[in-house]
Amino acid sequence: MATQEIGQVTTLEQQASRPKSRMRSPSDRGNDVMTHQQLTEWMRRQGLIADPPPEFLAFGEAWGTLSDTEKNQILWELDHLPPGPMASDIVAEQRR
């Protein structure tokens, strides 16, 4: 290994071993059980999840307005799509 690479590895090891500011995790709450909402809020505060984009919210609202029959028809169609080439096969073919 070159000297420069050894130096980079050493630097990374030093950075990894430094204590970071400890974030409060759900396990720090003791025996308290977090609800789904509390866990979601905690994850959002930690930057682990973000709010969905507006168009995703619009899709969700549109789905919510459908009747159960319409939802079942859509799900059935998605479950019974005709077989076809895989996306990776299409990409590989286009690269030839």
PDB file of N, CA and C in Angstrom:
ATOM      1  N   MET A   1       0.858  -1.169   0.000  1.00  0.00           N
ATOM      2  CA  MET A   1       0.000   0.000   0.000  1.00  0.00           C
ATOM      3  C   MET A   1       0.898   1.225   0.000  1.00  0.00           C
ATOM      4  N   ALA A   2       0.550   2.209  -0.785  1.00  0.00           N
ATOM      5  CA  ALA A   2       1.349   3.436  -0.881  1.00  0.00           C
ATOM      6  C   ALA A   2       1.239   4.228   0.419  1.00  0.00           C
ATOM      7  N   THR A   3       2.223   5.057   0.668  1.00  0.00           N
ATOM      8  CA  THR A   3       2.275   5.854   1.888  1.00  0.00           C
ATOM      9  C   THR A   3       1.060   6.762   1.997  1.00  0.00           C
ATOM     10  N   GLN A   4       0.659   7.362   0.875  1.00  0.00           N
ATOM     11  CA  GLN A   4      -0.503   8.252   0.898  1.00  0.00           C
ATOM     12  C   GLN A   4      -1.767   7.495   1.293  1.00  0.00           C
ATOM     13  N   GLU A   5      -1.940   6.270   0.766  1.00  0.00           N
ATOM     14  CA  GLU A   5      -3.124   5.475   1.102  1.00  0.00           C
ATOM     15  C   GLU A   5      -3.119   5.103   2.582  1.00  0.00           C
ATOM     16  N   ILE A   6      -1.950   4.780   3.123  1.00  0.00           N
ATOM     17  CA  ILE A   6      -1.845   4.443   4.544  1.00  0.00           C
ATOM     18  C   ILE A   6      -2.228   5.649   5.385  1.00  0.00           C
ATOM     19  N   GLY A   7      -1.786   6.830   4.976  1.00  0.00           N
ATOM     20  CA  GLY A   7      -2.132   8.057   5.685  1.00  0.00           C
ATOM     21  C   GLY A   7      -3.625   8.317   5.668  1.00  0.00           C
ATOM     22  N   GLN A   8      -4.270   8.045   4.510  1.00  0.00           N
ATOM     23  CA  GLN A   8      -5.707   8.251   4.400  1.00  0.00           C
ATOM     24  C   GLN A   8      -6.468   7.278   5.293  1.00  0.00           C
ATOM     25  N   VAL A   9      -6.009   6.022   5.329  1.00  0.00           N
ATOM     26  CA  VAL A   9      -6.650   5.017   6.173  1.00  0.00           C
ATOM     27  C   VAL A   9      -6.504   5.399   7.640  1.00  0.00           C
ATOM     28  N   THR A  10      -5.315   5.854   8.024  1.00  0.00           N
ATOM     29  CA  THR A  10      -5.078   6.263   9.407  1.00  0.00           C
ATOM     30  C   THR A  10      -5.990   7.433   9.785  1.00  0.00           C
ATOM     31  N   THR A  11      -6.108   8.397   8.891  1.00  0.00           N
ATOM     32  CA  THR A  11      -6.974   9.546   9.145  1.00  0.00           C
ATOM     33  C   THR A  11      -8.417   9.108   9.315  1.00  0.00           C
ATOM     34  N   LEU A  12      -8.884   8.212   8.453  1.00  0.00           N
ATOM     35  CA  LEU A  12     -10.255   7.717   8.559  1.00  0.00           C
ATOM     36  C   LEU A  12     -10.475   6.962   9.868  1.00  0.00           C
ATOM     37  N   GLU A  13      -9.482   6.155  10.266  1.00  0.00           N
ATOM     38  CA  GLU A  13      -9.601   5.420  11.528  1.00  0.00           C
ATOM     39  C   GLU A  13      -9.676   6.385  12.710  1.00  0.00           C
ATOM     40  N   GLN A  14      -8.890   7.448  12.670  1.00  0.00           N
ATOM     41  CA  GLN A  14      -8.910   8.427  13.752  1.00  0.00           C
ATOM     42  C   GLN A  14     -10.261   9.138  13.819  1.00  0.00           C
ATOM     43  N   GLN A  15     -10.787   9.502  12.659  1.00  0.00           N
ATOM     44  CA  GLN A  15     -12.084  10.183  12.621  1.00  0.00           C
ATOM     45  C   GLN A  15     -13.196   9.260  13.119  1.00  0.00           C
ATOM     46  N   ALA A  16     -13.104   7.987  12.765  1.00  0.00           N
ATOM     47  CA  ALA A  16     -14.145   7.041  13.171  1.00  0.00           C
ATOM     48  C   ALA A  16     -14.095   6.775  14.674  1.00  0.00           C
ATOM     49  N   SER A  17     -12.910   6.871  15.271  1.00  0.00           N
ATOM     50  CA  SER A  17     -12.800   6.560  16.695  1.00  0.00           C
ATOM     51  C   SER A  17     -13.137   7.741  17.595  1.00  0.00           C
ATOM     52  N   ARG A  18     -13.234   8.950  17.032  1.00  0.00           N
ATOM     53  CA  ARG A  18     -13.600  10.121  17.834  1.00  0.00           C
ATOM     54  C   ARG A  18     -15.044  10.019  18.280  1.00  0.00           C
ATOM     55  N   PRO A  19     -15.318  10.339  19.534  1.00  0.00           N
ATOM     56  CA  PRO A  19     -16.724  10.304  19.965  1.00  0.00           C
ATOM     57  C   PRO A  19     -17.522  11.403  19.285  1.00  0.00           C
ATOM     58  N   LYS A  20     -18.658  11.042  18.801  1.00  0.00           N
ATOM     59  CA  LYS A  20     -19.555  12.005  18.166  1.00  0.00           C
ATOM     60  C   LYS A  20     -20.579  12.454  19.195  1.00  0.00           C
ATOM     61  N   SER A  21     -21.242  13.566  18.912  1.00  0.00           N
ATOM     62  CA  SER A  21     -22.301  13.987  19.824  1.00  0.00           C
ATOM     63  C   SER A  21     -23.376  12.909  19.777  1.00  0.00           C
ATOM     64  N   ARG A  22     -23.727  12.444  20.916  1.00  0.00           N
ATOM     65  CA  ARG A  22     -24.645  11.309  21.010  1.00  0.00           C
ATOM     66  C   ARG A  22     -26.076  11.773  20.769  1.00  0.00           C
ATOM     67  N   MET A  23     -26.725  11.170  19.776  1.00  0.00           N
ATOM     68  CA  MET A  23     -28.121  11.509  19.545  1.00  0.00           C
ATOM     69  C   MET A  23     -28.987  10.611  20.414  1.00  0.00           C
ATOM     70  N   ARG A  24     -30.060  11.154  20.888  1.00  0.00           N
ATOM     71  CA  ARG A  24     -30.966  10.397  21.734  1.00  0.00           C
ATOM     72  C   ARG A  24     -31.744   9.420  20.859  1.00  0.00           C
ATOM     73  N   SER A  25     -31.639   8.161  21.166  1.00  0.00           N
ATOM     74  CA  SER A  25     -32.314   7.149  20.368  1.00  0.00           C
ATOM     75  C   SER A  25     -33.553   6.650  21.092  1.00  0.00           C
ATOM     76  N   PRO A  26     -34.429   5.939  20.374  1.00  0.00           N
ATOM     77  CA  PRO A  26     -35.622   5.411  21.031  1.00  0.00           C
ATOM     78  C   PRO A  26     -35.287   4.503  22.212  1.00  0.00           C
ATOM     79  N   SER A  27     -34.143   3.811  22.153  1.00  0.00           N
ATOM     80  CA  SER A  27     -33.783   2.899  23.236  1.00  0.00           C
ATOM     81  C   SER A  27     -33.409   3.653  24.505  1.00  0.00           C
ATOM     82  N   ASP A  28     -33.114   4.961  24.416  1.00  0.00           N
ATOM     83  CA  ASP A  28     -32.780   5.762  25.590  1.00  0.00           C
ATOM     84  C   ASP A  28     -34.004   6.042  26.452  1.00  0.00           C
ATOM     85  N   ARG A  29     -35.154   5.677  25.980  1.00  0.00           N
ATOM     86  CA  ARG A  29     -36.386   5.987  26.694  1.00  0.00           C
ATOM     87  C   ARG A  29     -36.691   4.957  27.778  1.00  0.00           C
ATOM     88  N   GLY A  30     -35.813   4.003  27.986  1.00  0.00           N
ATOM     89  CA  GLY A  30     -36.056   2.988  29.000  1.00  0.00           C
ATOM     90  C   GLY A  30     -37.046   1.968  28.493  1.00  0.00           C
ATOM     91  N   ASN A  31     -38.014   1.640  29.327  1.00  0.00           N
ATOM     92  CA  ASN A  31     -39.003   0.635  28.961  1.00  0.00           C
ATOM     93  C   ASN A  31     -40.210   1.219  28.248  1.00  0.00           C
ATOM     94  N   ASP A  32     -40.226   2.535  28.031  1.00  0.00           N
ATOM     95  CA  ASP A  32     -41.345   3.154  27.330  1.00  0.00           C
ATOM     96  C   ASP A  32     -41.416   2.633  25.902  1.00  0.00           C
ATOM     97  N   VAL A  33     -42.602   2.341  25.456  1.00  0.00           N
ATOM     98  CA  VAL A  33     -42.807   1.899  24.080  1.00  0.00           C
ATOM     99  C   VAL A  33     -43.288   3.096  23.288  1.00  0.00           C
ATOM    100  N   MET A  34     -42.614   3.358  22.176  1.00  0.00           N
ATOM    101  CA  MET A  34     -43.000   4.484  21.336  1.00  0.00           C
ATOM    102  C   MET A  34     -44.127   4.060  20.404  1.00  0.00           C
ATOM    103  N   THR A  35     -45.056   4.956  20.198  1.00  0.00           N
ATOM    104  CA  THR A  35     -46.091   4.713  19.202  1.00  0.00           C
ATOM    105  C   THR A  35     -45.475   4.937  17.823  1.00  0.00           C
ATOM    106  N   HIS A  36     -46.215   4.524  16.816  1.00  0.00           N
ATOM    107  CA  HIS A  36     -45.743   4.735  15.442  1.00  0.00           C
ATOM    108  C   HIS A  36     -45.499   6.222  15.186  1.00  0.00           C
ATOM    109  N   GLN A  37     -46.416   7.053  15.654  1.00  0.00           N
ATOM    110  CA  GLN A  37     -46.297   8.504  15.461  1.00  0.00           C
ATOM    111  C   GLN A  37     -45.066   9.048  16.168  1.00  0.00           C
ATOM    112  N   GLN A  38     -44.821   8.606  17.408  1.00  0.00           N
ATOM    113  CA  GLN A  38     -43.645   9.077  18.151  1.00  0.00           C
ATOM    114  C   GLN A  38     -42.350   8.657  17.461  1.00  0.00           C
ATOM    115  N   LEU A  39     -42.309   7.415  16.972  1.00  0.00           N
ATOM    116  CA  LEU A  39     -41.116   6.947  16.275  1.00  0.00           C
ATOM    117  C   LEU A  39     -40.892   7.737  14.989  1.00  0.00           C
ATOM    118  N   THR A  40     -41.975   8.000  14.274  1.00  0.00           N
ATOM    119  CA  THR A  40     -41.863   8.785  13.040  1.00  0.00           C
ATOM    120  C   THR A  40     -41.343  10.185  13.339  1.00  0.00           C
ATOM    121  N   GLU A  41     -41.870  10.810  14.375  1.00  0.00           N
ATOM    122  CA  GLU A  41     -41.416  12.149  14.761  1.00  0.00           C
ATOM    123  C   GLU A  41     -39.938  12.129  15.150  1.00  0.00           C
ATOM    124  N   TRP A  42     -39.522  11.115  15.921  1.00  0.00           N
ATOM    125  CA  TRP A  42     -38.117  11.010  16.329  1.00  0.00           C
ATOM    126  C   TRP A  42     -37.215  10.858  15.097  1.00  0.00           C
ATOM    127  N   MET A  43     -37.616   9.992  14.174  1.00  0.00           N
ATOM    128  CA  MET A  43     -36.823   9.775  12.956  1.00  0.00           C
ATOM    129  C   MET A  43     -36.756  11.050  12.127  1.00  0.00           C
ATOM    130  N   ARG A  44     -37.847  11.798  12.076  1.00  0.00           N
ATOM    131  CA  ARG A  44     -37.853  13.061  11.326  1.00  0.00           C
ATOM    132  C   ARG A  44     -36.890  14.066  11.966  1.00  0.00           C
ATOM    133  N   ARG A  45     -36.899  14.167  13.302  1.00  0.00           N
ATOM    134  CA  ARG A  45     -35.987  15.085  14.004  1.00  0.00           C
ATOM    135  C   ARG A  45     -34.522  14.712  13.781  1.00  0.00           C
ATOM    136  N   GLN A  46     -34.249  13.418  13.641  1.00  0.00           N
ATOM    137  CA  GLN A  46     -32.872  12.971  13.432  1.00  0.00           C
ATOM    138  C   GLN A  46     -32.442  13.101  11.967  1.00  0.00           C
ATOM    139  N   GLY A  47     -33.369  13.471  11.099  1.00  0.00           N
ATOM    140  CA  GLY A  47     -33.047  13.623   9.681  1.00  0.00           C
ATOM    141  C   GLY A  47     -33.030  12.299   8.936  1.00  0.00           C
ATOM    142  N   LEU A  48     -33.621  11.266   9.523  1.00  0.00           N
ATOM    143  CA  LEU A  48     -33.632   9.957   8.884  1.00  0.00           C
ATOM    144  C   LEU A  48     -34.731   9.827   7.841  1.00  0.00           C
ATOM    145  N   ILE A  49     -35.786  10.590   8.024  1.00  0.00           N
ATOM    146  CA  ILE A  49     -36.870  10.590   7.045  1.00  0.00           C
ATOM    147  C   ILE A  49     -37.286  12.034   6.773  1.00  0.00           C
ATOM    148  N   ALA A  50     -37.894  12.235   5.647  1.00  0.00           N
ATOM    149  CA  ALA A  50     -38.368  13.568   5.274  1.00  0.00           C
ATOM    150  C   ALA A  50     -39.823  13.465   4.850  1.00  0.00           C
ATOM    151  N   ASP A  51     -40.488  14.585   4.791  1.00  0.00           N
ATOM    152  CA  ASP A  51     -41.869  14.596   4.324  1.00  0.00           C
ATOM    153  C   ASP A  51     -41.894  14.231   2.845  1.00  0.00           C
ATOM    154  N   PRO A  52     -42.933  13.516   2.413  1.00  0.00           N
ATOM    155  CA  PRO A  52     -43.010  13.155   0.999  1.00  0.00           C
ATOM    156  C   PRO A  52     -43.245  14.387   0.135  1.00  0.00           C
ATOM    157  N   PRO A  53     -42.801  14.322  -1.117  1.00  0.00           N
ATOM    158  CA  PRO A  53     -43.037  15.446  -2.030  1.00  0.00           C
ATOM    159  C   PRO A  53     -44.542  15.649  -2.260  1.00  0.00           C
ATOM    160  N   PRO A  54     -44.945  16.855  -2.636  1.00  0.00           N
ATOM    161  CA  PRO A  54     -46.375  17.150  -2.830  1.00  0.00           C
ATOM    162  C   PRO A  54     -47.072  16.203  -3.804  1.00  0.00           C
ATOM    163  N   GLU A  55     -46.384  15.798  -4.873  1.00  0.00           N
ATOM    164  CA  GLU A  55     -47.048  14.915  -5.835  1.00  0.00           C
ATOM    165  C   GLU A  55     -47.344  13.541  -5.221  1.00  0.00           C
ATOM    166  N   PHE A  56     -46.495  13.069  -4.297  1.00  0.00           N
ATOM    167  CA  PHE A  56     -46.768  11.802  -3.628  1.00  0.00           C
ATOM    168  C   PHE A  56     -47.988  11.933  -2.718  1.00  0.00           C
ATOM    169  N   LEU A  57     -48.094  13.085  -2.047  1.00  0.00           N
ATOM    170  CA  LEU A  57     -49.268  13.318  -1.204  1.00  0.00           C
ATOM    171  C   LEU A  57     -50.538  13.340  -2.054  1.00  0.00           C
ATOM    172  N   ALA A  58     -50.444  13.947  -3.245  1.00  0.00           N
ATOM    173  CA  ALA A  58     -51.601  14.000  -4.148  1.00  0.00           C
ATOM    174  C   ALA A  58     -51.990  12.590  -4.603  1.00  0.00           C
ATOM    175  N   PHE A  59     -50.990  11.736  -4.896  1.00  0.00           N
ATOM    176  CA  PHE A  59     -51.284  10.351  -5.279  1.00  0.00           C
ATOM    177  C   PHE A  59     -51.985   9.623  -4.133  1.00  0.00           C
ATOM    178  N   GLY A  60     -51.513   9.846  -2.922  1.00  0.00           N
ATOM    179  CA  GLY A  60     -52.121   9.212  -1.752  1.00  0.00           C
ATOM    180  C   GLY A  60     -53.555   9.654  -1.549  1.00  0.00           C
ATOM    181  N   GLU A  61     -53.804  10.941  -1.727  1.00  0.00           N
ATOM    182  CA  GLU A  61     -55.167  11.455  -1.588  1.00  0.00           C
ATOM    183  C   GLU A  61     -56.076  10.869  -2.665  1.00  0.00           C
ATOM    184  N   ALA A  62     -55.556  10.779  -3.893  1.00  0.00           N
ATOM    185  CA  ALA A  62     -56.356  10.214  -4.986  1.00  0.00           C
ATOM    186  C   ALA A  62     -56.667   8.744  -4.710  1.00  0.00           C
ATOM    187  N   TRP A  63     -55.689   8.004  -4.205  1.00  0.00           N
ATOM    188  CA  TRP A  63     -55.907   6.593  -3.875  1.00  0.00           C
ATOM    189  C   TRP A  63     -56.968   6.474  -2.773  1.00  0.00           C
ATOM    190  N   GLY A  64     -56.911   7.367  -1.810  1.00  0.00           N
ATOM    191  CA  GLY A  64     -57.865   7.341  -0.707  1.00  0.00           C
ATOM    192  C   GLY A  64     -59.295   7.601  -1.138  1.00  0.00           C
ATOM    193  N   THR A  65     -59.484   8.297  -2.240  1.00  0.00           N
ATOM    194  CA  THR A  65     -60.838   8.600  -2.711  1.00  0.00           C
ATOM    195  C   THR A  65     -61.447   7.452  -3.514  1.00  0.00           C
ATOM    196  N   LEU A  66     -60.636   6.472  -3.908  1.00  0.00           N
ATOM    197  CA  LEU A  66     -61.149   5.351  -4.696  1.00  0.00           C
ATOM    198  C   LEU A  66     -61.964   4.415  -3.819  1.00  0.00           C
ATOM    199  N   SER A  67     -62.942   3.770  -4.447  1.00  0.00           N
ATOM    200  CA  SER A  67     -63.728   2.761  -3.715  1.00  0.00           C
ATOM    201  C   SER A  67     -62.877   1.500  -3.558  1.00  0.00           C
ATOM    202  N   ASP A  68     -63.289   0.631  -2.652  1.00  0.00           N
ATOM    203  CA  ASP A  68     -62.565  -0.633  -2.454  1.00  0.00           C
ATOM    204  C   ASP A  68     -62.556  -1.457  -3.733  1.00  0.00           C
ATOM    205  N   THR A  69     -63.636  -1.425  -4.486  1.00  0.00           N
ATOM    206  CA  THR A  69     -63.715  -2.171  -5.741  1.00  0.00           C
ATOM    207  C   THR A  69     -62.669  -1.671  -6.731  1.00  0.00           C
ATOM    208  N   GLU A  70     -62.555  -0.353  -6.860  1.00  0.00           N
ATOM    209  CA  GLU A  70     -61.565   0.224  -7.782  1.00  0.00           C
ATOM    210  C   GLU A  70     -60.144  -0.113  -7.338  1.00  0.00           C
ATOM    211  N   LYS A  71     -59.890  -0.021  -6.032  1.00  0.00           N
ATOM    212  CA  LYS A  71     -58.565  -0.356  -5.510  1.00  0.00           C
ATOM    213  C   LYS A  71     -58.222  -1.813  -5.798  1.00  0.00           C
ATOM    214  N   ASN A  72     -59.196  -2.707  -5.574  1.00  0.00           N
ATOM    215  CA  ASN A  72     -58.953  -4.133  -5.821  1.00  0.00           C
ATOM    216  C   ASN A  72     -58.703  -4.416  -7.291  1.00  0.00           C
ATOM    217  N   GLN A  73     -59.425  -3.709  -8.186  1.00  0.00           N
ATOM    218  CA  GLN A  73     -59.197  -3.884  -9.623  1.00  0.00           C
ATOM    219  C   GLN A  73     -57.780  -3.459  -9.997  1.00  0.00           C
ATOM    220  N   ILE A  74     -57.331  -2.333  -9.474  1.00  0.00           N
ATOM    221  CA  ILE A  74     -55.980  -1.839  -9.771  1.00  0.00           C
ATOM    222  C   ILE A  74     -54.937  -2.806  -9.238  1.00  0.00           C
ATOM    223  N   LEU A  75     -55.123  -3.257  -7.997  1.00  0.00           N
ATOM    224  CA  LEU A  75     -54.166  -4.195  -7.409  1.00  0.00           C
ATOM    225  C   LEU A  75     -54.129  -5.505  -8.186  1.00  0.00           C
ATOM    226  N   TRP A  76     -55.297  -5.980  -8.642  1.00  0.00           N
ATOM    227  CA  TRP A  76     -55.337  -7.208  -9.424  1.00  0.00           C
ATOM    228  C   TRP A  76     -54.555  -7.029 -10.723  1.00  0.00           C
ATOM    229  N   GLU A  77     -54.757  -5.896 -11.389  1.00  0.00           N
ATOM    230  CA  GLU A  77     -54.025  -5.629 -12.633  1.00  0.00           C
ATOM    231  C   GLU A  77     -52.522  -5.606 -12.397  1.00  0.00           C
ATOM    232  N   LEU A  78     -52.107  -4.982 -11.322  1.00  0.00           N
ATOM    233  CA  LEU A  78     -50.675  -4.919 -11.020  1.00  0.00           C
ATOM    234  C   LEU A  78     -50.105  -6.294 -10.683  1.00  0.00           C
ATOM    235  N   ASP A  79     -50.917  -7.127 -10.038  1.00  0.00           N
ATOM    236  CA  ASP A  79     -50.469  -8.476  -9.689  1.00  0.00           C
ATOM    237  C   ASP A  79     -50.448  -9.413 -10.891  1.00  0.00           C
ATOM    238  N   HIS A  80     -51.138  -9.053 -11.967  1.00  0.00           N
ATOM    239  CA  HIS A  80     -51.257  -9.941 -13.124  1.00  0.00           C
ATOM    240  C   HIS A  80     -50.738  -9.286 -14.409  1.00  0.00           C
ATOM    241  N   LEU A  81     -49.674  -8.530 -14.287  1.00  0.00           N
ATOM    242  CA  LEU A  81     -49.075  -7.920 -15.475  1.00  0.00           C
ATOM    243  C   LEU A  81     -48.515  -9.012 -16.373  1.00  0.00           C
ATOM    244  N   PRO A  82     -48.608  -8.822 -17.695  1.00  0.00           N
ATOM    245  CA  PRO A  82     -48.067  -9.850 -18.598  1.00  0.00           C
ATOM    246  C   PRO A  82     -46.546  -9.920 -18.461  1.00  0.00           C
ATOM    247  N   PRO A  83     -45.990 -11.111 -18.603  1.00  0.00           N
ATOM    248  CA  PRO A  83     -44.528 -11.224 -18.490  1.00  0.00           C
ATOM    249  C   PRO A  83     -43.850 -10.493 -19.641  1.00  0.00           C
ATOM    250  N   GLY A  84     -42.726  -9.962 -19.359  1.00  0.00           N
ATOM    251  CA  GLY A  84     -41.974  -9.240 -20.378  1.00  0.00           C
ATOM    252  C   GLY A  84     -40.510  -9.211 -19.985  1.00  0.00           C
ATOM    253  N   PRO A  85     -39.713  -8.562 -20.805  1.00  0.00           N
ATOM    254  CA  PRO A  85     -38.284  -8.518 -20.485  1.00  0.00           C
ATOM    255  C   PRO A  85     -38.038  -7.709 -19.212  1.00  0.00           C
ATOM    256  N   MET A  86     -37.008  -8.094 -18.499  1.00  0.00           N
ATOM    257  CA  MET A  86     -36.634  -7.364 -17.296  1.00  0.00           C
ATOM    258  C   MET A  86     -35.954  -6.057 -17.713  1.00  0.00           C
ATOM    259  N   ALA A  87     -36.051  -5.053 -16.864  1.00  0.00           N
ATOM    260  CA  ALA A  87     -35.457  -3.751 -17.165  1.00  0.00           C
ATOM    261  C   ALA A  87     -33.963  -3.886 -17.424  1.00  0.00           C
ATOM    262  N   SER A  88     -33.274  -4.729 -16.662  1.00  0.00           N
ATOM    263  CA  SER A  88     -31.830  -4.906 -16.855  1.00  0.00           C
ATOM    264  C   SER A  88     -31.535  -5.491 -18.233  1.00  0.00           C
ATOM    265  N   ASP A  89     -32.421  -6.372 -18.737  1.00  0.00           N
ATOM    266  CA  ASP A  89     -32.227  -6.934 -20.075  1.00  0.00           C
ATOM    267  C   ASP A  89     -32.392  -5.856 -21.142  1.00  0.00           C
ATOM    268  N   ILE A  90     -33.360  -4.968 -20.962  1.00  0.00           N
ATOM    269  CA  ILE A  90     -33.577  -3.878 -21.902  1.00  0.00           C
ATOM    270  C   ILE A  90     -32.376  -2.949 -21.934  1.00  0.00           C
ATOM    271  N   VAL A  91     -31.850  -2.593 -20.769  1.00  0.00           N
ATOM    272  CA  VAL A  91     -30.687  -1.718 -20.697  1.00  0.00           C
ATOM    273  C   VAL A  91     -29.481  -2.379 -21.352  1.00  0.00           C
ATOM    274  N   ALA A  92     -29.258  -3.655 -21.060  1.00  0.00           N
ATOM    275  CA  ALA A  92     -28.122  -4.371 -21.647  1.00  0.00           C
ATOM    276  C   ALA A  92     -28.251  -4.426 -23.169  1.00  0.00           C
ATOM    277  N   GLU A  93     -29.448  -4.653 -23.654  1.00  0.00           N
ATOM    278  CA  GLU A  93     -29.679  -4.723 -25.099  1.00  0.00           C
ATOM    279  C   GLU A  93     -29.415  -3.360 -25.759  1.00  0.00           C
ATOM    280  N   GLN A  94     -29.814  -2.283 -25.112  1.00  0.00           N
ATOM    281  CA  GLN A  94     -29.612  -0.943 -25.657  1.00  0.00           C
ATOM    282  C   GLN A  94     -28.134  -0.563 -25.700  1.00  0.00           C
ATOM    283  N   ARG A  95     -27.327  -1.156 -24.837  1.00  0.00           N
ATOM    284  CA  ARG A  95     -25.892  -0.828 -24.791  1.00  0.00           C
ATOM    285  C   ARG A  95     -25.099  -1.569 -25.843  1.00  0.00           C
ATOM    286  N   ARG A  96     -25.697  -2.555 -26.467  1.00  0.00           N
ATOM    287  CA  ARG A  96     -24.976  -3.338 -27.498  1.00  0.00           C
ATOM    288  C   ARG A  96     -24.938  -2.601 -28.798  1.00  0.00           C
TER     289      ARG A  96
END
